[in-house]
Amino acid sequence: MDVFEAIRKRRSIRNYTGDSIPVEHLEQIVDAGRWAASGYNRQPWTFVVVTDKAMLERFCVVSKAVEQAAAVIAVVMDDSSQFWLEDASAAVENMLLASTALGYGSCWLEGRTLAHEQELKEWLGVPAEKRLITLVSLGVPVEWPAKEKKPLSEVLRWEMYSE
């Protein structure tokens, strides 16, 4: 699948079959995150892949989307890097696209992750000085939802903003 097809197909998938994902595919997905752009090439990230079912069940405090997930990637950042949020976002988007290209569903679980950051860090042994910015659930999707996007003509402007 080429990058443009992956971009068009990518959706937030919250329902998984429970089937596992091969380690080599999980490594490819994380490697895509590693190749993301980062401010001054600081690469302020560490990715923790969790496949243990007991730990995945604990992650349900963040979202039920992990209930049948094959894996969750915890995105840990060094917030002393000036652009750490932007860097994390770029890495996560690369991983979402890579998972789609490999045929897996994924969901960026930023909504409630930060509210549970401290307990997630404790569970995963993340050092106090690091930030656990988000979790990304991965799995074989039950279905690929069809969602419409706004047409390009509605969001594209040339040279300056105008209505």
N, C-alpha and C. Protein backbone atom coordinates (compact mmCIF):
# COMPACT_ATOMS: atom_id res chain seq x y z
N MET A 1 0.86 -1.17 0.00
CA MET A 1 0.00 0.00 0.00
C MET A 1 0.91 1.23 0.00
N ASP A 2 0.64 2.19 -0.90
CA ASP A 2 1.47 3.40 -0.90
C ASP A 2 0.98 4.37 0.18
N VAL A 3 1.77 5.39 0.44
CA VAL A 3 1.48 6.31 1.54
C VAL A 3 0.14 7.03 1.35
N PHE A 4 -0.20 7.40 0.13
CA PHE A 4 -1.46 8.12 -0.09
C PHE A 4 -2.67 7.22 0.16
N GLU A 5 -2.56 5.96 -0.21
CA GLU A 5 -3.64 5.01 0.09
C GLU A 5 -3.77 4.82 1.60
N ALA A 6 -2.65 4.70 2.30
CA ALA A 6 -2.69 4.55 3.76
C ALA A 6 -3.32 5.77 4.42
N ILE A 7 -2.98 6.95 3.92
CA ILE A 7 -3.57 8.19 4.47
C ILE A 7 -5.08 8.19 4.29
N ARG A 8 -5.55 7.81 3.11
CA ARG A 8 -7.00 7.82 2.84
C ARG A 8 -7.74 6.72 3.61
N LYS A 9 -7.07 5.60 3.86
CA LYS A 9 -7.73 4.47 4.52
C LYS A 9 -7.70 4.57 6.05
N ARG A 10 -6.72 5.28 6.61
CA ARG A 10 -6.54 5.32 8.05
C ARG A 10 -7.78 5.84 8.77
N ARG A 11 -8.20 5.12 9.77
CA ARG A 11 -9.34 5.50 10.61
C ARG A 11 -8.98 5.15 12.04
N SER A 12 -9.66 5.78 12.99
CA SER A 12 -9.51 5.40 14.40
C SER A 12 -10.33 4.14 14.62
N ILE A 13 -9.64 3.05 14.86
CA ILE A 13 -10.29 1.75 15.06
C ILE A 13 -10.30 1.45 16.55
N ARG A 14 -11.47 1.17 17.06
CA ARG A 14 -11.62 0.91 18.49
C ARG A 14 -12.13 -0.50 18.79
N ASN A 15 -12.44 -1.27 17.74
CA ASN A 15 -12.93 -2.63 17.92
C ASN A 15 -12.02 -3.60 17.18
N TYR A 16 -11.41 -4.49 17.96
CA TYR A 16 -10.44 -5.43 17.42
C TYR A 16 -10.92 -6.85 17.63
N THR A 17 -10.39 -7.75 16.81
CA THR A 17 -10.78 -9.16 16.90
C THR A 17 -10.13 -9.89 18.07
N GLY A 18 -9.04 -9.35 18.59
CA GLY A 18 -8.29 -10.03 19.64
C GLY A 18 -7.13 -10.85 19.09
N ASP A 19 -7.04 -10.95 17.76
CA ASP A 19 -5.92 -11.67 17.14
C ASP A 19 -4.61 -10.94 17.41
N SER A 20 -3.53 -11.70 17.46
CA SER A 20 -2.22 -11.10 17.74
C SER A 20 -1.61 -10.50 16.47
N ILE A 21 -0.58 -9.69 16.69
CA ILE A 21 0.19 -9.08 15.61
C ILE A 21 1.62 -9.62 15.74
N PRO A 22 2.20 -10.09 14.63
CA PRO A 22 3.57 -10.60 14.71
C PRO A 22 4.55 -9.54 15.22
N VAL A 23 5.54 -9.98 15.97
CA VAL A 23 6.54 -9.08 16.54
C VAL A 23 7.19 -8.23 15.46
N GLU A 24 7.50 -8.84 14.32
CA GLU A 24 8.17 -8.08 13.26
C GLU A 24 7.29 -6.94 12.74
N HIS A 25 5.97 -7.10 12.75
CA HIS A 25 5.08 -6.01 12.35
C HIS A 25 5.05 -4.92 13.41
N LEU A 26 5.03 -5.33 14.68
CA LEU A 26 5.08 -4.33 15.76
C LEU A 26 6.37 -3.53 15.67
N GLU A 27 7.47 -4.20 15.38
CA GLU A 27 8.75 -3.50 15.23
C GLU A 27 8.73 -2.55 14.04
N GLN A 28 8.11 -2.96 12.93
CA GLN A 28 8.00 -2.08 11.77
C GLN A 28 7.18 -0.83 12.11
N ILE A 29 6.13 -1.00 12.86
CA ILE A 29 5.27 0.13 13.23
C ILE A 29 6.04 1.10 14.11
N VAL A 30 6.74 0.58 15.12
CA VAL A 30 7.55 1.45 15.98
C VAL A 30 8.68 2.10 15.19
N ASP A 31 9.27 1.36 14.27
CA ASP A 31 10.35 1.91 13.46
C ASP A 31 9.84 3.10 12.63
N ALA A 32 8.61 3.03 12.16
CA ALA A 32 8.02 4.16 11.43
C ALA A 32 7.95 5.39 12.35
N GLY A 33 7.61 5.19 13.62
CA GLY A 33 7.60 6.29 14.58
C GLY A 33 8.99 6.84 14.80
N ARG A 34 9.97 5.96 14.86
CA ARG A 34 11.37 6.37 15.06
C ARG A 34 11.87 7.25 13.92
N TRP A 35 11.36 7.04 12.72
CA TRP A 35 11.79 7.80 11.55
C TRP A 35 11.07 9.14 11.39
N ALA A 36 10.20 9.49 12.31
CA ALA A 36 9.46 10.75 12.23
C ALA A 36 10.40 11.95 12.34
N ALA A 37 9.95 13.04 11.82
CA ALA A 37 10.68 14.30 11.98
C ALA A 37 10.66 14.69 13.45
N SER A 38 11.76 15.31 13.89
CA SER A 38 11.79 15.85 15.26
C SER A 38 12.63 17.11 15.25
N GLY A 39 12.22 18.07 16.08
CA GLY A 39 12.92 19.35 16.15
C GLY A 39 14.39 19.17 16.47
N TYR A 40 15.25 19.74 15.63
CA TYR A 40 16.70 19.65 15.78
C TYR A 40 17.19 18.19 15.82
N ASN A 41 16.37 17.29 15.29
CA ASN A 41 16.69 15.86 15.27
C ASN A 41 17.00 15.31 16.67
N ARG A 42 16.32 15.84 17.68
CA ARG A 42 16.55 15.40 19.07
C ARG A 42 16.04 13.99 19.34
N GLN A 43 15.00 13.58 18.59
CA GLN A 43 14.42 12.25 18.76
C GLN A 43 14.15 11.95 20.24
N PRO A 44 13.29 12.76 20.89
CA PRO A 44 13.11 12.67 22.34
C PRO A 44 12.13 11.59 22.81
N TRP A 45 12.07 10.49 22.08
CA TRP A 45 11.05 9.49 22.35
C TRP A 45 11.62 8.15 22.76
N THR A 46 10.78 7.42 23.47
CA THR A 46 10.96 5.99 23.73
C THR A 46 9.58 5.39 23.56
N PHE A 47 9.51 4.24 22.92
CA PHE A 47 8.23 3.58 22.67
C PHE A 47 8.21 2.27 23.45
N VAL A 48 7.18 2.08 24.26
CA VAL A 48 7.03 0.85 25.04
C VAL A 48 5.86 0.07 24.44
N VAL A 49 6.17 -1.09 23.88
CA VAL A 49 5.14 -1.95 23.29
C VAL A 49 4.67 -2.93 24.35
N VAL A 50 3.36 -2.95 24.56
CA VAL A 50 2.77 -3.84 25.57
C VAL A 50 1.83 -4.80 24.86
N THR A 51 2.07 -6.11 25.06
CA THR A 51 1.19 -7.14 24.52
C THR A 51 0.58 -8.01 25.62
N ASP A 52 1.08 -7.85 26.84
CA ASP A 52 0.60 -8.63 27.98
C ASP A 52 -0.88 -8.32 28.25
N LYS A 53 -1.71 -9.35 28.20
CA LYS A 53 -3.17 -9.16 28.34
C LYS A 53 -3.56 -8.54 29.68
N ALA A 54 -2.87 -8.91 30.74
CA ALA A 54 -3.18 -8.35 32.06
C ALA A 54 -2.92 -6.84 32.07
N MET A 55 -1.82 -6.42 31.47
CA MET A 55 -1.52 -4.98 31.41
C MET A 55 -2.50 -4.28 30.48
N LEU A 56 -2.85 -4.89 29.37
CA LEU A 56 -3.82 -4.29 28.46
C LEU A 56 -5.16 -4.07 29.17
N GLU A 57 -5.54 -5.02 30.01
CA GLU A 57 -6.79 -4.86 30.78
C GLU A 57 -6.70 -3.66 31.71
N ARG A 58 -5.54 -3.43 32.31
CA ARG A 58 -5.36 -2.26 33.18
C ARG A 58 -5.54 -0.98 32.38
N PHE A 59 -5.09 -0.99 31.13
CA PHE A 59 -5.18 0.20 30.27
C PHE A 59 -6.62 0.57 29.93
N CYS A 60 -7.57 -0.28 30.25
CA CYS A 60 -8.98 0.04 30.00
C CYS A 60 -9.43 1.26 30.80
N VAL A 61 -8.65 1.68 31.82
CA VAL A 61 -9.00 2.92 32.53
C VAL A 61 -8.90 4.11 31.57
N VAL A 62 -8.10 3.97 30.53
CA VAL A 62 -7.95 5.03 29.54
C VAL A 62 -9.02 4.89 28.46
N SER A 63 -9.22 3.67 27.97
CA SER A 63 -10.19 3.45 26.90
C SER A 63 -10.53 1.97 26.77
N LYS A 64 -11.77 1.69 26.49
CA LYS A 64 -12.20 0.32 26.22
C LYS A 64 -11.64 -0.16 24.89
N ALA A 65 -11.06 0.76 24.10
CA ALA A 65 -10.47 0.39 22.80
C ALA A 65 -9.31 -0.58 22.96
N VAL A 66 -8.76 -0.72 24.15
CA VAL A 66 -7.64 -1.64 24.34
C VAL A 66 -8.10 -3.03 24.77
N GLU A 67 -9.39 -3.18 25.03
CA GLU A 67 -9.92 -4.44 25.55
C GLU A 67 -9.54 -5.65 24.69
N GLN A 68 -9.70 -5.55 23.39
CA GLN A 68 -9.37 -6.64 22.48
C GLN A 68 -8.16 -6.33 21.61
N ALA A 69 -7.42 -5.27 21.95
CA ALA A 69 -6.25 -4.89 21.17
C ALA A 69 -5.17 -5.97 21.27
N ALA A 70 -4.39 -6.09 20.21
CA ALA A 70 -3.26 -7.02 20.22
C ALA A 70 -2.08 -6.41 20.97
N ALA A 71 -2.00 -5.08 20.91
CA ALA A 71 -0.88 -4.38 21.54
C ALA A 71 -1.25 -2.92 21.77
N VAL A 72 -0.50 -2.31 22.66
CA VAL A 72 -0.58 -0.87 22.88
C VAL A 72 0.85 -0.35 22.88
N ILE A 73 1.04 0.78 22.22
CA ILE A 73 2.34 1.44 22.24
C ILE A 73 2.21 2.66 23.13
N ALA A 74 2.99 2.70 24.20
CA ALA A 74 3.06 3.87 25.07
C ALA A 74 4.15 4.78 24.51
N VAL A 75 3.79 6.04 24.28
CA VAL A 75 4.74 7.00 23.72
C VAL A 75 5.28 7.86 24.86
N VAL A 76 6.54 7.64 25.19
CA VAL A 76 7.21 8.30 26.30
C VAL A 76 8.14 9.36 25.72
N MET A 77 8.06 10.58 26.27
CA MET A 77 8.81 11.70 25.72
C MET A 77 9.67 12.38 26.77
N ASP A 78 10.76 12.96 26.29
CA ASP A 78 11.62 13.82 27.09
C ASP A 78 11.14 15.25 26.86
N ASP A 79 10.45 15.82 27.84
CA ASP A 79 9.85 17.15 27.63
C ASP A 79 10.86 18.29 27.79
N SER A 80 12.13 17.96 27.98
CA SER A 80 13.15 19.02 27.96
C SER A 80 13.47 19.43 26.53
N SER A 81 13.03 18.62 25.58
CA SER A 81 13.18 18.95 24.17
C SER A 81 12.13 20.01 23.82
N GLN A 82 12.54 21.06 23.17
CA GLN A 82 11.67 22.21 22.90
C GLN A 82 10.37 21.84 22.16
N PHE A 83 10.44 20.91 21.24
CA PHE A 83 9.28 20.58 20.41
C PHE A 83 8.74 19.19 20.69
N TRP A 84 8.78 18.78 21.95
CA TRP A 84 8.43 17.41 22.30
C TRP A 84 7.00 17.04 21.92
N LEU A 85 6.04 17.93 22.05
CA LEU A 85 4.66 17.61 21.67
C LEU A 85 4.52 17.41 20.17
N GLU A 86 5.15 18.30 19.41
CA GLU A 86 5.11 18.18 17.96
C GLU A 86 5.82 16.90 17.52
N ASP A 87 6.95 16.62 18.16
CA ASP A 87 7.71 15.41 17.83
C ASP A 87 6.89 14.16 18.12
N ALA A 88 6.21 14.14 19.26
CA ALA A 88 5.36 12.99 19.60
C ALA A 88 4.25 12.83 18.58
N SER A 89 3.64 13.94 18.18
CA SER A 89 2.55 13.88 17.20
C SER A 89 3.02 13.32 15.87
N ALA A 90 4.20 13.75 15.42
CA ALA A 90 4.74 13.24 14.17
C ALA A 90 5.01 11.74 14.26
N ALA A 91 5.58 11.29 15.38
CA ALA A 91 5.88 9.88 15.56
C ALA A 91 4.59 9.05 15.59
N VAL A 92 3.59 9.53 16.30
CA VAL A 92 2.32 8.79 16.38
C VAL A 92 1.68 8.70 15.01
N GLU A 93 1.64 9.79 14.27
CA GLU A 93 1.02 9.74 12.94
C GLU A 93 1.74 8.75 12.04
N ASN A 94 3.06 8.71 12.10
CA ASN A 94 3.79 7.71 11.30
C ASN A 94 3.38 6.30 11.69
N MET A 95 3.23 6.05 12.99
CA MET A 95 2.85 4.71 13.44
C MET A 95 1.42 4.36 13.02
N LEU A 96 0.52 5.34 13.06
CA LEU A 96 -0.85 5.10 12.62
C LEU A 96 -0.88 4.71 11.14
N LEU A 97 -0.11 5.43 10.34
CA LEU A 97 -0.07 5.13 8.90
C LEU A 97 0.60 3.79 8.63
N ALA A 98 1.67 3.50 9.36
CA ALA A 98 2.34 2.21 9.18
C ALA A 98 1.42 1.05 9.54
N SER A 99 0.66 1.20 10.63
CA SER A 99 -0.25 0.11 11.01
C SER A 99 -1.33 -0.08 9.95
N THR A 100 -1.82 1.01 9.38
CA THR A 100 -2.81 0.91 8.30
C THR A 100 -2.20 0.21 7.09
N ALA A 101 -0.99 0.61 6.71
CA ALA A 101 -0.33 0.01 5.55
C ALA A 101 -0.12 -1.49 5.72
N LEU A 102 0.07 -1.93 6.97
CA LEU A 102 0.25 -3.36 7.25
C LEU A 102 -1.07 -4.10 7.44
N GLY A 103 -2.18 -3.36 7.38
CA GLY A 103 -3.50 -3.99 7.49
C GLY A 103 -4.08 -4.03 8.88
N TYR A 104 -3.49 -3.28 9.82
CA TYR A 104 -3.97 -3.27 11.19
C TYR A 104 -4.69 -1.97 11.49
N GLY A 105 -5.62 -2.05 12.43
CA GLY A 105 -6.29 -0.86 12.92
C GLY A 105 -5.50 -0.27 14.07
N SER A 106 -5.72 1.01 14.30
CA SER A 106 -5.04 1.70 15.40
C SER A 106 -5.90 2.84 15.89
N CYS A 107 -5.61 3.29 17.10
CA CYS A 107 -6.32 4.44 17.65
C CYS A 107 -5.39 5.21 18.58
N TRP A 108 -5.31 6.49 18.36
CA TRP A 108 -4.51 7.40 19.17
C TRP A 108 -5.37 7.76 20.37
N LEU A 109 -4.99 7.31 21.55
CA LEU A 109 -5.81 7.44 22.75
C LEU A 109 -5.38 8.62 23.62
N GLU A 110 -5.29 9.78 23.03
CA GLU A 110 -4.82 10.94 23.79
C GLU A 110 -5.85 11.50 24.76
N GLY A 111 -7.09 11.29 24.49
CA GLY A 111 -8.16 11.91 25.27
C GLY A 111 -8.05 11.78 26.77
N ARG A 112 -7.89 10.55 27.28
CA ARG A 112 -7.84 10.33 28.72
C ARG A 112 -6.50 9.84 29.22
N THR A 113 -5.53 9.71 28.32
CA THR A 113 -4.22 9.20 28.75
C THR A 113 -3.58 10.13 29.77
N LEU A 114 -3.57 11.42 29.49
CA LEU A 114 -2.89 12.36 30.40
C LEU A 114 -3.52 12.38 31.79
N ALA A 115 -4.82 12.15 31.88
CA ALA A 115 -5.48 12.10 33.18
C ALA A 115 -4.98 10.92 34.02
N HIS A 116 -4.44 9.91 33.36
CA HIS A 116 -3.94 8.71 34.04
C HIS A 116 -2.43 8.55 33.90
N GLU A 117 -1.76 9.63 33.52
CA GLU A 117 -0.33 9.56 33.23
C GLU A 117 0.48 8.96 34.38
N GLN A 118 0.26 9.43 35.60
CA GLN A 118 1.09 8.96 36.71
C GLN A 118 0.95 7.46 36.96
N GLU A 119 -0.30 6.96 36.96
CA GLU A 119 -0.45 5.52 37.20
C GLU A 119 0.07 4.71 36.03
N LEU A 120 -0.08 5.18 34.81
CA LEU A 120 0.48 4.48 33.65
C LEU A 120 2.00 4.43 33.73
N LYS A 121 2.61 5.54 34.13
CA LYS A 121 4.07 5.58 34.28
C LYS A 121 4.53 4.58 35.33
N GLU A 122 3.80 4.50 36.44
CA GLU A 122 4.15 3.54 37.49
C GLU A 122 4.05 2.11 36.96
N TRP A 123 2.95 1.78 36.28
CA TRP A 123 2.75 0.44 35.76
C TRP A 123 3.86 0.04 34.79
N LEU A 124 4.33 1.01 34.00
CA LEU A 124 5.31 0.72 32.95
C LEU A 124 6.75 1.00 33.37
N GLY A 125 6.96 1.50 34.58
CA GLY A 125 8.31 1.79 35.05
C GLY A 125 8.96 2.97 34.35
N VAL A 126 8.15 3.93 33.92
CA VAL A 126 8.67 5.11 33.22
C VAL A 126 9.29 6.06 34.26
N PRO A 127 10.51 6.55 34.02
CA PRO A 127 11.15 7.47 34.97
C PRO A 127 10.31 8.73 35.21
N ALA A 128 10.38 9.26 36.42
CA ALA A 128 9.58 10.42 36.82
C ALA A 128 9.80 11.62 35.92
N GLU A 129 11.03 11.80 35.41
CA GLU A 129 11.32 13.00 34.61
C GLU A 129 10.82 12.90 33.17
N LYS A 130 10.28 11.76 32.77
CA LYS A 130 9.74 11.58 31.41
C LYS A 130 8.24 11.78 31.42
N ARG A 131 7.69 12.06 30.25
CA ARG A 131 6.23 12.19 30.08
C ARG A 131 5.69 11.02 29.28
N LEU A 132 4.58 10.47 29.71
CA LEU A 132 3.87 9.47 28.92
C LEU A 132 2.73 10.23 28.25
N ILE A 133 2.93 10.59 27.02
CA ILE A 133 2.03 11.51 26.34
C ILE A 133 0.78 10.84 25.78
N THR A 134 0.90 9.59 25.33
CA THR A 134 -0.28 8.93 24.77
C THR A 134 -0.07 7.43 24.68
N LEU A 135 -1.16 6.74 24.46
CA LEU A 135 -1.16 5.33 24.13
C LEU A 135 -1.73 5.18 22.73
N VAL A 136 -1.22 4.21 21.99
CA VAL A 136 -1.75 3.89 20.67
C VAL A 136 -2.15 2.43 20.69
N SER A 137 -3.44 2.16 20.52
CA SER A 137 -3.88 0.76 20.48
C SER A 137 -3.74 0.24 19.05
N LEU A 138 -3.45 -1.06 18.95
CA LEU A 138 -3.25 -1.72 17.65
C LEU A 138 -3.95 -3.06 17.66
N GLY A 139 -4.48 -3.45 16.51
CA GLY A 139 -5.07 -4.77 16.42
C GLY A 139 -5.66 -5.03 15.05
N VAL A 140 -6.14 -6.24 14.90
CA VAL A 140 -6.85 -6.61 13.68
C VAL A 140 -8.26 -6.03 13.82
N PRO A 141 -8.67 -5.16 12.90
CA PRO A 141 -9.97 -4.51 13.06
C PRO A 141 -11.14 -5.46 12.82
N VAL A 142 -12.19 -5.27 13.60
CA VAL A 142 -13.43 -5.99 13.36
C VAL A 142 -14.00 -5.52 12.02
N GLU A 143 -13.91 -4.21 11.78
CA GLU A 143 -14.33 -3.61 10.50
C GLU A 143 -13.60 -2.30 10.31
N TRP A 144 -13.53 -1.86 9.05
CA TRP A 144 -12.97 -0.54 8.73
C TRP A 144 -14.14 0.41 8.54
N PRO A 145 -14.34 1.36 9.45
CA PRO A 145 -15.45 2.29 9.28
C PRO A 145 -15.22 3.21 8.08
N ALA A 146 -16.29 3.58 7.43
CA ALA A 146 -16.21 4.52 6.32
C ALA A 146 -16.64 5.89 6.84
N LYS A 147 -15.72 6.79 6.90
CA LYS A 147 -16.01 8.15 7.37
C LYS A 147 -15.71 9.11 6.25
N GLU A 148 -16.57 10.07 6.08
CA GLU A 148 -16.36 11.08 5.05
C GLU A 148 -15.48 12.19 5.60
N LYS A 149 -14.68 12.76 4.77
CA LYS A 149 -13.86 13.91 5.10
C LYS A 149 -14.40 15.11 4.32
N LYS A 150 -14.15 16.28 4.84
CA LYS A 150 -14.55 17.48 4.12
C LYS A 150 -13.85 17.49 2.76
N PRO A 151 -14.51 18.04 1.74
CA PRO A 151 -13.85 18.11 0.44
C PRO A 151 -12.65 19.08 0.48
N LEU A 152 -11.66 18.81 -0.35
CA LEU A 152 -10.46 19.65 -0.42
C LEU A 152 -10.82 21.11 -0.65
N SER A 153 -11.81 21.35 -1.49
CA SER A 153 -12.21 22.73 -1.80
C SER A 153 -12.70 23.49 -0.58
N GLU A 154 -13.14 22.78 0.45
CA GLU A 154 -13.63 23.41 1.67
C GLU A 154 -12.51 23.80 2.64
N VAL A 155 -11.36 23.16 2.52
CA VAL A 155 -10.29 23.40 3.48
C VAL A 155 -9.02 24.02 2.87
N LEU A 156 -8.95 24.10 1.56
CA LEU A 156 -7.75 24.60 0.90
C LEU A 156 -7.91 26.08 0.54
N ARG A 157 -6.90 26.87 0.87
CA ARG A 157 -6.83 28.28 0.46
C ARG A 157 -5.49 28.50 -0.22
N TRP A 158 -5.44 29.42 -1.17
CA TRP A 158 -4.20 29.74 -1.87
C TRP A 158 -3.79 31.15 -1.55
N GLU A 159 -2.56 31.33 -1.18
CA GLU A 159 -1.91 32.61 -0.92
C GLU A 159 -2.32 33.30 0.37
N MET A 160 -3.61 33.28 0.72
CA MET A 160 -4.05 33.85 1.99
C MET A 160 -5.42 33.28 2.35
N TYR A 161 -5.78 33.43 3.60
CA TYR A 161 -7.06 32.90 4.07
C TYR A 161 -8.18 33.80 3.55
N SER A 162 -9.23 33.18 3.03
CA SER A 162 -10.42 33.92 2.61
C SER A 162 -11.61 32.98 2.66
N GLU A 163 -12.79 33.52 2.85
CA GLU A 163 -14.00 32.71 2.92
C GLU A 163 -14.53 32.39 1.54
